[in-house]
């Protein structure tokens, strides 16, 4: 499994937790360990722009997921494949965590798991 985290400054603080969460998810869903997933930490401006462009919602959000595949069965079982991209706005995530009385890391872990589910075709 390859996890890409951008920008690197956020990688140092969260990389171990992100890797553990993705490892557990991939194992549970029987996803090929060579699969790549990309996490991008972005500003409020960037997440709002993406939300407006792709969801036609002109407001900030904490996380957006952009899958490559429509569902889990389409993801190649062998070789390298890209699962998709996740965009996370930490400042919005922090506000949401505070409102819900959660720890920032706990909230981020939940959002990563939620995003990975979107990348394999689960929607709400």
PDB file of N, CA and C in Angstrom:
ATOM      1  N   UNK A   1       0.833  -1.165   0.000  1.00  0.00           N
ATOM      2  CA  UNK A   1       0.000   0.000   0.000  1.00  0.00           C
ATOM      3  C   UNK A   1       0.884   1.236   0.000  1.00  0.00           C
ATOM      4  N   UNK A   2       0.464   2.213  -0.773  1.00  0.00           N
ATOM      5  CA  UNK A   2       1.193   3.484  -0.785  1.00  0.00           C
ATOM      6  C   UNK A   2       0.213   4.576  -0.417  1.00  0.00           C
ATOM      7  N   UNK A   3       0.594   5.358   0.570  1.00  0.00           N
ATOM      8  CA  UNK A   3      -0.220   6.488   0.985  1.00  0.00           C
ATOM      9  C   UNK A   3       0.552   7.749   0.651  1.00  0.00           C
ATOM     10  N   UNK A   4      -0.096   8.639  -0.068  1.00  0.00           N
ATOM     11  CA  UNK A   4       0.502   9.928  -0.373  1.00  0.00           C
ATOM     12  C   UNK A   4      -0.187  10.971   0.484  1.00  0.00           C
ATOM     13  N   UNK A   5       0.597  11.787   1.194  1.00  0.00           N
ATOM     14  CA  UNK A   5       0.043  12.832   2.044  1.00  0.00           C
ATOM     15  C   UNK A   5       0.680  14.151   1.632  1.00  0.00           C
ATOM     16  N   UNK A   6      -0.165  15.130   1.321  1.00  0.00           N
ATOM     17  CA  UNK A   6       0.315  16.438   0.858  1.00  0.00           C
ATOM     18  C   UNK A   6      -0.362  17.535   1.671  1.00  0.00           C
ATOM     19  N   UNK A   7       0.272  18.560   2.094  1.00  0.00           N
ATOM     20  CA  UNK A   7       1.710  18.782   2.079  1.00  0.00           C
ATOM     21  C   UNK A   7       2.407  18.018   3.202  1.00  0.00           C
ATOM     22  N   UNK A   8       3.703  17.916   3.094  1.00  0.00           N
ATOM     23  CA  UNK A   8       4.493  17.107   4.018  1.00  0.00           C
ATOM     24  C   UNK A   8       4.411  17.563   5.471  1.00  0.00           C
ATOM     25  N   UNK A   9       4.189  18.830   5.733  1.00  0.00           N
ATOM     26  CA  UNK A   9       4.162  19.312   7.121  1.00  0.00           C
ATOM     27  C   UNK A   9       3.081  18.601   7.927  1.00  0.00           C
ATOM     28  N   UNK A  10       1.985  18.233   7.296  1.00  0.00           N
ATOM     29  CA  UNK A  10       0.916  17.523   7.987  1.00  0.00           C
ATOM     30  C   UNK A  10       1.209  16.028   8.092  1.00  0.00           C
ATOM     31  N   UNK A  11       2.026  15.532   7.210  1.00  0.00           N
ATOM     32  CA  UNK A  11       2.378  14.120   7.215  1.00  0.00           C
ATOM     33  C   UNK A  11       3.035  13.726   8.536  1.00  0.00           C
ATOM     34  N   UNK A  12       3.908  14.548   9.036  1.00  0.00           N
ATOM     35  CA  UNK A  12       4.659  14.214  10.248  1.00  0.00           C
ATOM     36  C   UNK A  12       3.738  13.999  11.444  1.00  0.00           C
ATOM     37  N   UNK A  13       2.747  14.834  11.590  1.00  0.00           N
ATOM     38  CA  UNK A  13       1.865  14.758  12.753  1.00  0.00           C
ATOM     39  C   UNK A  13       0.878  13.595  12.662  1.00  0.00           C
ATOM     40  N   UNK A  14       0.402  13.283  11.476  1.00  0.00           N
ATOM     41  CA  UNK A  14      -0.691  12.323  11.327  1.00  0.00           C
ATOM     42  C   UNK A  14      -0.342  11.042  10.574  1.00  0.00           C
ATOM     43  N   UNK A  15       0.846  10.932  10.025  1.00  0.00           N
ATOM     44  CA  UNK A  15       1.156   9.821   9.126  1.00  0.00           C
ATOM     45  C   UNK A  15       0.975   8.449   9.769  1.00  0.00           C
ATOM     46  N   UNK A  16       1.393   8.284  11.004  1.00  0.00           N
ATOM     47  CA  UNK A  16       1.270   6.970  11.662  1.00  0.00           C
ATOM     48  C   UNK A  16      -0.202   6.576  11.823  1.00  0.00           C
ATOM     49  N   UNK A  17      -1.026   7.524  12.263  1.00  0.00           N
ATOM     50  CA  UNK A  17      -2.453   7.249  12.440  1.00  0.00           C
ATOM     51  C   UNK A  17      -3.125   6.985  11.097  1.00  0.00           C
ATOM     52  N   UNK A  18      -2.782   7.770  10.090  1.00  0.00           N
ATOM     53  CA  UNK A  18      -3.375   7.572   8.763  1.00  0.00           C
ATOM     54  C   UNK A  18      -2.997   6.192   8.224  1.00  0.00           C
ATOM     55  N   UNK A  19      -1.732   5.840   8.318  1.00  0.00           N
ATOM     56  CA  UNK A  19      -1.278   4.530   7.831  1.00  0.00           C
ATOM     57  C   UNK A  19      -2.004   3.394   8.552  1.00  0.00           C
ATOM     58  N   UNK A  20      -2.127   3.478   9.870  1.00  0.00           N
ATOM     59  CA  UNK A  20      -2.804   2.425  10.632  1.00  0.00           C
ATOM     60  C   UNK A  20      -4.280   2.314  10.231  1.00  0.00           C
ATOM     61  N   UNK A  21      -4.926   3.450  10.035  1.00  0.00           N
ATOM     62  CA  UNK A  21      -6.339   3.455   9.645  1.00  0.00           C
ATOM     63  C   UNK A  21      -6.522   2.852   8.258  1.00  0.00           C
ATOM     64  N   UNK A  22      -5.665   3.239   7.321  1.00  0.00           N
ATOM     65  CA  UNK A  22      -5.741   2.703   5.959  1.00  0.00           C
ATOM     66  C   UNK A  22      -5.405   1.212   5.951  1.00  0.00           C
ATOM     67  N   UNK A  23      -4.365   0.819   6.675  1.00  0.00           N
ATOM     68  CA  UNK A  23      -3.998  -0.608   6.768  1.00  0.00           C
ATOM     69  C   UNK A  23      -5.188  -1.438   7.235  1.00  0.00           C
ATOM     70  N   UNK A  24      -5.823  -0.999   8.308  1.00  0.00           N
ATOM     71  CA  UNK A  24      -6.964  -1.725   8.870  1.00  0.00           C
ATOM     72  C   UNK A  24      -8.112  -1.786   7.856  1.00  0.00           C
ATOM     73  N   UNK A  25      -8.389  -0.672   7.198  1.00  0.00           N
ATOM     74  CA  UNK A  25      -9.459  -0.607   6.210  1.00  0.00           C
ATOM     75  C   UNK A  25      -9.187  -1.557   5.042  1.00  0.00           C
ATOM     76  N   UNK A  26      -7.957  -1.510   4.507  1.00  0.00           N
ATOM     77  CA  UNK A  26      -7.594  -2.367   3.384  1.00  0.00           C
ATOM     78  C   UNK A  26      -7.702  -3.842   3.759  1.00  0.00           C
ATOM     79  N   UNK A  27      -7.245  -4.198   4.937  1.00  0.00           N
ATOM     80  CA  UNK A  27      -7.315  -5.575   5.406  1.00  0.00           C
ATOM     81  C   UNK A  27      -8.771  -6.013   5.551  1.00  0.00           C
ATOM     82  N   UNK A  28      -9.579  -5.176   6.170  1.00  0.00           N
ATOM     83  CA  UNK A  28     -10.990  -5.484   6.380  1.00  0.00           C
ATOM     84  C   UNK A  28     -11.748  -5.640   5.063  1.00  0.00           C
ATOM     85  N   UNK A  29     -11.450  -4.800   4.089  1.00  0.00           N
ATOM     86  CA  UNK A  29     -12.153  -4.817   2.794  1.00  0.00           C
ATOM     87  C   UNK A  29     -11.462  -5.699   1.757  1.00  0.00           C
ATOM     88  N   UNK A  30     -10.350  -6.332   2.152  1.00  0.00           N
ATOM     89  CA  UNK A  30      -9.577  -7.197   1.250  1.00  0.00           C
ATOM     90  C   UNK A  30      -9.142  -6.458  -0.015  1.00  0.00           C
ATOM     91  N   UNK A  31      -8.625  -5.246   0.196  1.00  0.00           N
ATOM     92  CA  UNK A  31      -8.128  -4.424  -0.906  1.00  0.00           C
ATOM     93  C   UNK A  31      -6.660  -4.743  -1.120  1.00  0.00           C
ATOM     94  N   UNK A  32      -6.278  -4.872  -2.367  1.00  0.00           N
ATOM     95  CA  UNK A  32      -4.906  -5.148  -2.761  1.00  0.00           C
ATOM     96  C   UNK A  32      -3.950  -4.196  -2.037  1.00  0.00           C
ATOM     97  N   UNK A  33      -2.946  -4.735  -1.348  1.00  0.00           N
ATOM     98  CA  UNK A  33      -2.019  -3.876  -0.602  1.00  0.00           C
ATOM     99  C   UNK A  33      -1.152  -2.964  -1.473  1.00  0.00           C
ATOM    100  N   UNK A  34      -1.140  -3.173  -2.772  1.00  0.00           N
ATOM    101  CA  UNK A  34      -0.382  -2.294  -3.670  1.00  0.00           C
ATOM    102  C   UNK A  34      -1.198  -1.068  -4.090  1.00  0.00           C
ATOM    103  N   UNK A  35      -2.419  -0.984  -3.635  1.00  0.00           N
ATOM    104  CA  UNK A  35      -3.301   0.126  -3.986  1.00  0.00           C
ATOM    105  C   UNK A  35      -2.803   1.422  -3.353  1.00  0.00           C
ATOM    106  N   UNK A  36      -2.945   2.510  -4.099  1.00  0.00           N
ATOM    107  CA  UNK A  36      -2.483   3.830  -3.680  1.00  0.00           C
ATOM    108  C   UNK A  36      -3.692   4.689  -3.300  1.00  0.00           C
ATOM    109  N   UNK A  37      -3.566   5.459  -2.242  1.00  0.00           N
ATOM    110  CA  UNK A  37      -4.579   6.447  -1.876  1.00  0.00           C
ATOM    111  C   UNK A  37      -3.858   7.738  -1.506  1.00  0.00           C
ATOM    112  N   UNK A  38      -4.432   8.862  -1.900  1.00  0.00           N
ATOM    113  CA  UNK A  38      -3.795  10.160  -1.700  1.00  0.00           C
ATOM    114  C   UNK A  38      -4.625  11.024  -0.751  1.00  0.00           C
ATOM    115  N   UNK A  39      -3.952  11.564   0.279  1.00  0.00           N
ATOM    116  CA  UNK A  39      -4.584  12.489   1.218  1.00  0.00           C
ATOM    117  C   UNK A  39      -3.970  13.861   1.024  1.00  0.00           C
ATOM    118  N   UNK A  40      -4.818  14.858   0.842  1.00  0.00           N
ATOM    119  CA  UNK A  40      -4.369  16.223   0.595  1.00  0.00           C
ATOM    120  C   UNK A  40      -4.949  17.144   1.655  1.00  0.00           C
ATOM    121  N   UNK A  41      -4.077  17.790   2.427  1.00  0.00           N
ATOM    122  CA  UNK A  41      -4.512  18.740   3.436  1.00  0.00           C
ATOM    123  C   UNK A  41      -4.558  20.117   2.790  1.00  0.00           C
ATOM    124  N   UNK A  42      -5.747  20.737   2.807  1.00  0.00           N
ATOM    125  CA  UNK A  42      -5.947  21.985   2.073  1.00  0.00           C
ATOM    126  C   UNK A  42      -6.575  23.059   2.971  1.00  0.00           C
ATOM    127  N   UNK A  43      -6.551  24.281   2.467  1.00  0.00           N
ATOM    128  CA  UNK A  43      -7.108  25.437   3.179  1.00  0.00           C
ATOM    129  C   UNK A  43      -8.634  25.481   3.047  1.00  0.00           C
ATOM    130  N   UNK A  44      -9.247  26.372   3.825  1.00  0.00           N
ATOM    131  CA  UNK A  44     -10.697  26.585   3.722  1.00  0.00           C
ATOM    132  C   UNK A  44     -11.078  27.066   2.319  1.00  0.00           C
ATOM    133  N   UNK A  45     -10.248  27.925   1.755  1.00  0.00           N
ATOM    134  CA  UNK A  45     -10.526  28.446   0.412  1.00  0.00           C
ATOM    135  C   UNK A  45     -10.527  27.323  -0.616  1.00  0.00           C
ATOM    136  N   UNK A  46      -9.529  26.461  -0.548  1.00  0.00           N
ATOM    137  CA  UNK A  46      -9.409  25.357  -1.512  1.00  0.00           C
ATOM    138  C   UNK A  46     -10.562  24.367  -1.357  1.00  0.00           C
ATOM    139  N   UNK A  47     -10.919  23.985  -0.126  1.00  0.00           N
ATOM    140  CA  UNK A  47     -11.984  23.002   0.069  1.00  0.00           C
ATOM    141  C   UNK A  47     -13.328  23.581  -0.381  1.00  0.00           C
ATOM    142  N   UNK A  48     -13.510  24.888  -0.150  1.00  0.00           N
ATOM    143  CA  UNK A  48     -14.755  25.534  -0.593  1.00  0.00           C
ATOM    144  C   UNK A  48     -14.827  25.555  -2.122  1.00  0.00           C
ATOM    145  N   UNK A  49     -13.710  25.860  -2.767  1.00  0.00           N
ATOM    146  CA  UNK A  49     -13.653  25.868  -4.228  1.00  0.00           C
ATOM    147  C   UNK A  49     -13.972  24.484  -4.791  1.00  0.00           C
ATOM    148  N   UNK A  50     -13.382  23.453  -4.216  1.00  0.00           N
ATOM    149  CA  UNK A  50     -13.651  22.081  -4.666  1.00  0.00           C
ATOM    150  C   UNK A  50     -15.109  21.683  -4.414  1.00  0.00           C
ATOM    151  N   UNK A  51     -15.643  22.043  -3.264  1.00  0.00           N
ATOM    152  CA  UNK A  51     -17.020  21.723  -2.918  1.00  0.00           C
ATOM    153  C   UNK A  51     -17.994  22.400  -3.887  1.00  0.00           C
ATOM    154  N   UNK A  52     -17.699  23.640  -4.231  1.00  0.00           N
ATOM    155  CA  UNK A  52     -18.550  24.377  -5.173  1.00  0.00           C
ATOM    156  C   UNK A  52     -18.452  23.774  -6.580  1.00  0.00           C
ATOM    157  N   UNK A  53     -17.241  23.466  -7.004  1.00  0.00           N
ATOM    158  CA  UNK A  53     -17.034  22.958  -8.358  1.00  0.00           C
ATOM    159  C   UNK A  53     -17.624  21.557  -8.560  1.00  0.00           C
ATOM    160  N   UNK A  54     -17.421  20.664  -7.601  1.00  0.00           N
ATOM    161  CA  UNK A  54     -17.801  19.270  -7.795  1.00  0.00           C
ATOM    162  C   UNK A  54     -19.119  18.863  -7.148  1.00  0.00           C
ATOM    163  N   UNK A  55     -19.589  19.650  -6.155  1.00  0.00           N
ATOM    164  CA  UNK A  55     -20.842  19.298  -5.490  1.00  0.00           C
ATOM    165  C   UNK A  55     -21.876  20.421  -5.590  1.00  0.00           C
ATOM    166  N   UNK A  56     -21.485  21.534  -6.220  1.00  0.00           N
ATOM    167  CA  UNK A  56     -22.341  22.706  -6.360  1.00  0.00           C
ATOM    168  C   UNK A  56     -22.835  23.218  -5.002  1.00  0.00           C
ATOM    169  N   UNK A  57     -21.980  23.100  -3.978  1.00  0.00           N
ATOM    170  CA  UNK A  57     -22.283  23.616  -2.647  1.00  0.00           C
ATOM    171  C   UNK A  57     -21.222  24.660  -2.320  1.00  0.00           C
ATOM    172  N   UNK A  58     -21.653  25.913  -2.215  1.00  0.00           N
ATOM    173  CA  UNK A  58     -20.718  27.019  -2.015  1.00  0.00           C
ATOM    174  C   UNK A  58     -20.479  27.263  -0.528  1.00  0.00           C
ATOM    175  N   UNK A  59     -19.830  26.294   0.113  1.00  0.00           N
ATOM    176  CA  UNK A  59     -19.446  26.444   1.516  1.00  0.00           C
ATOM    177  C   UNK A  59     -18.294  25.510   1.825  1.00  0.00           C
ATOM    178  N   UNK A  60     -17.650  25.794   2.949  1.00  0.00           N
ATOM    179  CA  UNK A  60     -16.534  24.957   3.388  1.00  0.00           C
ATOM    180  C   UNK A  60     -17.065  23.644   3.933  1.00  0.00           C
ATOM    181  N   UNK A  61     -16.237  22.613   3.844  1.00  0.00           N
ATOM    182  CA  UNK A  61     -16.545  21.314   4.424  1.00  0.00           C
ATOM    183  C   UNK A  61     -15.251  20.752   4.999  1.00  0.00           C
ATOM    184  N   UNK A  62     -15.367  19.703   5.778  1.00  0.00           N
ATOM    185  CA  UNK A  62     -14.159  19.146   6.392  1.00  0.00           C
ATOM    186  C   UNK A  62     -13.415  18.186   5.479  1.00  0.00           C
ATOM    187  N   UNK A  63     -14.138  17.427   4.666  1.00  0.00           N
ATOM    188  CA  UNK A  63     -13.477  16.418   3.835  1.00  0.00           C
ATOM    189  C   UNK A  63     -14.272  16.174   2.550  1.00  0.00           C
ATOM    190  N   UNK A  64     -13.540  15.918   1.475  1.00  0.00           N
ATOM    191  CA  UNK A  64     -14.126  15.529   0.193  1.00  0.00           C
ATOM    192  C   UNK A  64     -13.359  14.321  -0.334  1.00  0.00           C
ATOM    193  N   UNK A  65     -14.089  13.386  -0.913  1.00  0.00           N
ATOM    194  CA  UNK A  65     -13.477  12.174  -1.478  1.00  0.00           C
ATOM    195  C   UNK A  65     -13.774  12.106  -2.964  1.00  0.00           C
ATOM    196  N   UNK A  66     -12.753  11.740  -3.733  1.00  0.00           N
ATOM    197  CA  UNK A  66     -12.890  11.621  -5.179  1.00  0.00           C
ATOM    198  C   UNK A  66     -12.424  10.231  -5.601  1.00  0.00           C
ATOM    199  N   UNK A  67     -13.375   9.298  -5.750  1.00  0.00           N
ATOM    200  CA  UNK A  67     -13.013   7.923  -6.090  1.00  0.00           C
ATOM    201  C   UNK A  67     -12.645   7.759  -7.560  1.00  0.00           C
ATOM    202  N   UNK A  68     -11.828   6.761  -7.817  1.00  0.00           N
ATOM    203  CA  UNK A  68     -11.503   6.365  -9.185  1.00  0.00           C
ATOM    204  C   UNK A  68     -12.521   5.320  -9.664  1.00  0.00           C
ATOM    205  N   UNK A  69     -12.917   4.450  -8.762  1.00  0.00           N
ATOM    206  CA  UNK A  69     -13.788   3.316  -9.074  1.00  0.00           C
ATOM    207  C   UNK A  69     -15.193   3.558  -8.532  1.00  0.00           C
ATOM    208  N   UNK A  70     -16.182   2.941  -9.183  1.00  0.00           N
ATOM    209  CA  UNK A  70     -17.562   3.104  -8.726  1.00  0.00           C
ATOM    210  C   UNK A  70     -17.863   2.267  -7.494  1.00  0.00           C
ATOM    211  N   UNK A  71     -17.204   1.114  -7.386  1.00  0.00           N
ATOM    212  CA  UNK A  71     -17.438   0.275  -6.208  1.00  0.00           C
ATOM    213  C   UNK A  71     -16.249  -0.645  -5.976  1.00  0.00           C
ATOM    214  N   UNK A  72     -16.286  -1.324  -4.854  1.00  0.00           N
ATOM    215  CA  UNK A  72     -15.184  -2.169  -4.403  1.00  0.00           C
ATOM    216  C   UNK A  72     -14.847  -3.272  -5.394  1.00  0.00           C
ATOM    217  N   UNK A  73     -15.834  -3.806  -6.081  1.00  0.00           N
ATOM    218  CA  UNK A  73     -15.591  -4.923  -6.997  1.00  0.00           C
ATOM    219  C   UNK A  73     -14.772  -4.518  -8.228  1.00  0.00           C
ATOM    220  N   UNK A  74     -14.727  -3.239  -8.547  1.00  0.00           N
ATOM    221  CA  UNK A  74     -13.984  -2.772  -9.724  1.00  0.00           C
ATOM    222  C   UNK A  74     -12.493  -2.577  -9.461  1.00  0.00           C
ATOM    223  N   UNK A  75     -12.101  -2.483  -8.218  1.00  0.00           N
ATOM    224  CA  UNK A  75     -10.700  -2.231  -7.882  1.00  0.00           C
ATOM    225  C   UNK A  75      -9.877  -3.466  -8.231  1.00  0.00           C
ATOM    226  N   UNK A  76      -8.824  -3.314  -9.043  1.00  0.00           N
ATOM    227  CA  UNK A  76      -8.008  -4.463  -9.431  1.00  0.00           C
ATOM    228  C   UNK A  76      -7.460  -5.218  -8.227  1.00  0.00           C
ATOM    229  N   UNK A  77      -7.502  -6.538  -8.305  1.00  0.00           N
ATOM    230  CA  UNK A  77      -7.025  -7.387  -7.209  1.00  0.00           C
ATOM    231  C   UNK A  77      -5.508  -7.564  -7.242  1.00  0.00           C
ATOM    232  N   UNK A  78      -4.886  -7.311  -8.396  1.00  0.00           N
ATOM    233  CA  UNK A  78      -3.432  -7.463  -8.539  1.00  0.00           C
ATOM    234  C   UNK A  78      -2.852  -6.219  -9.177  1.00  0.00           C
ATOM    235  N   UNK A  79      -1.562  -5.981  -8.897  1.00  0.00           N
ATOM    236  CA  UNK A  79      -0.875  -4.828  -9.478  1.00  0.00           C
ATOM    237  C   UNK A  79      -1.229  -3.541  -8.752  1.00  0.00           C
ATOM    238  N   UNK A  80      -0.628  -2.472  -9.208  1.00  0.00           N
ATOM    239  CA  UNK A  80      -0.839  -1.169  -8.588  1.00  0.00           C
ATOM    240  C   UNK A  80      -2.103  -0.527  -9.130  1.00  0.00           C
ATOM    241  N   UNK A  81      -2.910   0.001  -8.242  1.00  0.00           N
ATOM    242  CA  UNK A  81      -4.125   0.721  -8.621  1.00  0.00           C
ATOM    243  C   UNK A  81      -4.251   1.939  -7.731  1.00  0.00           C
ATOM    244  N   UNK A  82      -4.934   2.948  -8.227  1.00  0.00           N
ATOM    245  CA  UNK A  82      -5.176   4.159  -7.450  1.00  0.00           C
ATOM    246  C   UNK A  82      -6.616   4.124  -6.962  1.00  0.00           C
ATOM    247  N   UNK A  83      -6.809   4.232  -5.653  1.00  0.00           N
ATOM    248  CA  UNK A  83      -8.149   4.218  -5.075  1.00  0.00           C
ATOM    249  C   UNK A  83      -8.839   5.570  -5.257  1.00  0.00           C
ATOM    250  N   UNK A  84      -8.077   6.652  -5.177  1.00  0.00           N
ATOM    251  CA  UNK A  84      -8.649   7.984  -5.345  1.00  0.00           C
ATOM    252  C   UNK A  84      -7.956   9.005  -4.469  1.00  0.00           C
ATOM    253  N   UNK A  85      -8.586  10.178  -4.360  1.00  0.00           N
ATOM    254  CA  UNK A  85      -8.027  11.299  -3.617  1.00  0.00           C
ATOM    255  C   UNK A  85      -8.982  11.752  -2.523  1.00  0.00           C
ATOM    256  N   UNK A  86      -8.405  12.106  -1.388  1.00  0.00           N
ATOM    257  CA  UNK A  86      -9.154  12.656  -0.269  1.00  0.00           C
ATOM    258  C   UNK A  86      -8.581  14.035   0.031  1.00  0.00           C
ATOM    259  N   UNK A  87      -9.461  15.026   0.160  1.00  0.00           N
ATOM    260  CA  UNK A  87      -9.058  16.386   0.507  1.00  0.00           C
ATOM    261  C   UNK A  87      -9.628  16.702   1.884  1.00  0.00           C
ATOM    262  N   UNK A  88      -8.751  17.129   2.792  1.00  0.00           N
ATOM    263  CA  UNK A  88      -9.130  17.383   4.173  1.00  0.00           C
ATOM    264  C   UNK A  88      -8.767  18.820   4.539  1.00  0.00           C
ATOM    265  N   UNK A  89      -9.721  19.519   5.126  1.00  0.00           N
ATOM    266  CA  UNK A  89      -9.467  20.861   5.643  1.00  0.00           C
ATOM    267  C   UNK A  89      -9.422  20.744   7.167  1.00  0.00           C
ATOM    268  N   UNK A  90      -8.211  20.804   7.715  1.00  0.00           N
ATOM    269  CA  UNK A  90      -8.034  20.629   9.153  1.00  0.00           C
ATOM    270  C   UNK A  90      -8.735  21.701   9.980  1.00  0.00           C
ATOM    271  N   UNK A  91      -8.779  22.936   9.495  1.00  0.00           N
ATOM    272  CA  UNK A  91      -9.414  23.983  10.295  1.00  0.00           C
ATOM    273  C   UNK A  91     -10.917  23.732  10.442  1.00  0.00           C
ATOM    274  N   UNK A  92     -11.579  23.267   9.404  1.00  0.00           N
ATOM    275  CA  UNK A  92     -13.008  22.930   9.500  1.00  0.00           C
ATOM    276  C   UNK A  92     -13.181  21.670  10.340  1.00  0.00           C
ATOM    277  N   UNK A  93     -12.307  20.696  10.149  1.00  0.00           N
ATOM    278  CA  UNK A  93     -12.365  19.465  10.929  1.00  0.00           C
ATOM    279  C   UNK A  93     -12.200  19.766  12.423  1.00  0.00           C
ATOM    280  N   UNK A  94     -11.295  20.655  12.759  1.00  0.00           N
ATOM    281  CA  UNK A  94     -11.078  21.044  14.169  1.00  0.00           C
ATOM    282  C   UNK A  94     -12.333  21.678  14.773  1.00  0.00           C
ATOM    283  N   UNK A  95     -12.973  22.563  14.018  1.00  0.00           N
ATOM    284  CA  UNK A  95     -14.207  23.198  14.492  1.00  0.00           C
ATOM    285  C   UNK A  95     -15.299  22.152  14.735  1.00  0.00           C
ATOM    286  N   UNK A  96     -15.434  21.211  13.801  1.00  0.00           N
ATOM    287  CA  UNK A  96     -16.436  20.154  13.948  1.00  0.00           C
ATOM    288  C   UNK A  96     -16.135  19.280  15.155  1.00  0.00           C
ATOM    289  N   UNK A  97     -14.876  18.954  15.344  1.00  0.00           N
ATOM    290  CA  UNK A  97     -14.480  18.132  16.492  1.00  0.00           C
ATOM    291  C   UNK A  97     -14.808  18.861  17.791  1.00  0.00           C
ATOM    292  N   UNK A  98     -14.522  20.136  17.830  1.00  0.00           N
ATOM    293  CA  UNK A  98     -14.785  20.932  19.028  1.00  0.00           C
ATOM    294  C   UNK A  98     -16.287  20.968  19.326  1.00  0.00           C
ATOM    295  N   UNK A  99     -17.103  21.180  18.293  1.00  0.00           N
ATOM    296  CA  UNK A  99     -18.558  21.218  18.466  1.00  0.00           C
ATOM    297  C   UNK A  99     -19.099  19.895  19.007  1.00  0.00           C
ATOM    298  N   UNK A 100     -18.493  18.795  18.568  1.00  0.00           N
ATOM    299  CA  UNK A 100     -18.953  17.470  18.968  1.00  0.00           C
ATOM    300  C   UNK A 100     -18.233  16.954  20.216  1.00  0.00           C
ATOM    301  N   UNK A 101     -17.318  17.754  20.759  1.00  0.00           N
ATOM    302  CA  UNK A 101     -16.596  17.354  21.950  1.00  0.00           C
ATOM    303  C   UNK A 101     -15.634  16.202  21.723  1.00  0.00           C
ATOM    304  N   UNK A 102     -15.093  16.121  20.513  1.00  0.00           N
ATOM    305  CA  UNK A 102     -14.158  15.053  20.160  1.00  0.00           C
ATOM    306  C   UNK A 102     -12.734  15.586  20.080  1.00  0.00           C
ATOM    307  N   UNK A 103     -11.802  14.689  20.224  1.00  0.00           N
ATOM    308  CA  UNK A 103     -10.392  14.974  20.015  1.00  0.00           C
ATOM    309  C   UNK A 103     -10.150  15.133  18.508  1.00  0.00           C
ATOM    310  N   UNK A 104      -9.291  16.063  18.137  1.00  0.00           N
ATOM    311  CA  UNK A 104      -8.984  16.320  16.721  1.00  0.00           C
ATOM    312  C   UNK A 104      -8.500  15.053  16.001  1.00  0.00           C
ATOM    313  N   UNK A 105      -7.629  14.296  16.635  1.00  0.00           N
ATOM    314  CA  UNK A 105      -7.097  13.082  16.008  1.00  0.00           C
ATOM    315  C   UNK A 105      -8.195  12.042  15.838  1.00  0.00           C
ATOM    316  N   UNK A 106      -9.059  11.912  16.829  1.00  0.00           N
ATOM    317  CA  UNK A 106     -10.194  10.984  16.748  1.00  0.00           C
ATOM    318  C   UNK A 106     -11.124  11.378  15.599  1.00  0.00           C
ATOM    319  N   UNK A 107     -11.390  12.666  15.467  1.00  0.00           N
ATOM    320  CA  UNK A 107     -12.246  13.163  14.387  1.00  0.00           C
ATOM    321  C   UNK A 107     -11.606  12.900  13.023  1.00  0.00           C
ATOM    322  N   UNK A 108     -10.306  13.149  12.916  1.00  0.00           N
ATOM    323  CA  UNK A 108      -9.595  12.909  11.664  1.00  0.00           C
ATOM    324  C   UNK A 108      -9.625  11.430  11.307  1.00  0.00           C
ATOM    325  N   UNK A 109      -9.404  10.574  12.274  1.00  0.00           N
ATOM    326  CA  UNK A 109      -9.439   9.130  12.017  1.00  0.00           C
ATOM    327  C   UNK A 109     -10.814   8.709  11.499  1.00  0.00           C
ATOM    328  N   UNK A 110     -11.857   9.229  12.106  1.00  0.00           N
ATOM    329  CA  UNK A 110     -13.214   8.934  11.642  1.00  0.00           C
ATOM    330  C   UNK A 110     -13.457   9.429  10.223  1.00  0.00           C
ATOM    331  N   UNK A 111     -12.939  10.618   9.917  1.00  0.00           N
ATOM    332  CA  UNK A 111     -13.107  11.176   8.574  1.00  0.00           C
ATOM    333  C   UNK A 111     -12.330  10.369   7.533  1.00  0.00           C
ATOM    334  N   UNK A 112     -11.169   9.861   7.908  1.00  0.00           N
ATOM    335  CA  UNK A 112     -10.382   9.040   6.986  1.00  0.00           C
ATOM    336  C   UNK A 112     -11.145   7.754   6.676  1.00  0.00           C
ATOM    337  N   UNK A 113     -11.659   7.103   7.703  1.00  0.00           N
ATOM    338  CA  UNK A 113     -12.436   5.886   7.501  1.00  0.00           C
ATOM    339  C   UNK A 113     -13.674   6.173   6.651  1.00  0.00           C
ATOM    340  N   UNK A 114     -14.365   7.258   6.951  1.00  0.00           N
ATOM    341  CA  UNK A 114     -15.545   7.672   6.187  1.00  0.00           C
ATOM    342  C   UNK A 114     -15.181   7.916   4.719  1.00  0.00           C
ATOM    343  N   UNK A 115     -14.067   8.613   4.494  1.00  0.00           N
ATOM    344  CA  UNK A 115     -13.623   8.913   3.135  1.00  0.00           C
ATOM    345  C   UNK A 115     -13.245   7.660   2.368  1.00  0.00           C
ATOM    346  N   UNK A 116     -12.560   6.738   3.039  1.00  0.00           N
ATOM    347  CA  UNK A 116     -12.188   5.486   2.385  1.00  0.00           C
ATOM    348  C   UNK A 116     -13.439   4.716   1.960  1.00  0.00           C
ATOM    349  N   UNK A 117     -14.473   4.746   2.783  1.00  0.00           N
ATOM    350  CA  UNK A 117     -15.731   4.102   2.394  1.00  0.00           C
ATOM    351  C   UNK A 117     -16.317   4.736   1.136  1.00  0.00           C
ATOM    352  N   UNK A 118     -16.227   6.069   1.038  1.00  0.00           N
ATOM    353  CA  UNK A 118     -16.684   6.733  -0.186  1.00  0.00           C
ATOM    354  C   UNK A 118     -15.840   6.303  -1.396  1.00  0.00           C
ATOM    355  N   UNK A 119     -14.540   6.125  -1.181  1.00  0.00           N
ATOM    356  CA  UNK A 119     -13.666   5.728  -2.286  1.00  0.00           C
ATOM    357  C   UNK A 119     -13.953   4.324  -2.798  1.00  0.00           C
ATOM    358  N   UNK A 120     -14.606   3.493  -1.993  1.00  0.00           N
ATOM    359  CA  UNK A 120     -14.950   2.140  -2.451  1.00  0.00           C
ATOM    360  C   UNK A 120     -16.439   2.012  -2.768  1.00  0.00           C
ATOM    361  N   UNK A 121     -17.134   3.157  -2.912  1.00  0.00           N
ATOM    362  CA  UNK A 121     -18.492   3.135  -3.422  1.00  0.00           C
ATOM    363  C   UNK A 121     -19.619   3.216  -2.418  1.00  0.00           C
ATOM    364  N   UNK A 122     -19.313   3.391  -1.134  1.00  0.00           N
ATOM    365  CA  UNK A 122     -20.381   3.540  -0.149  1.00  0.00           C
ATOM    366  C   UNK A 122     -20.737   5.021  -0.012  1.00  0.00           C
ATOM    367  N   UNK A 123     -22.014   5.308  -0.143  1.00  0.00           N
ATOM    368  CA  UNK A 123     -22.469   6.704  -0.069  1.00  0.00           C
ATOM    369  C   UNK A 123     -23.661   6.810   0.868  1.00  0.00           C
ATOM    370  N   UNK A 124     -23.884   8.009   1.363  1.00  0.00           N
ATOM    371  CA  UNK A 124     -25.030   8.213   2.254  1.00  0.00           C
ATOM    372  C   UNK A 124     -25.950   9.244   1.681  1.00  0.00           C
TER     373      UNK A 124
END
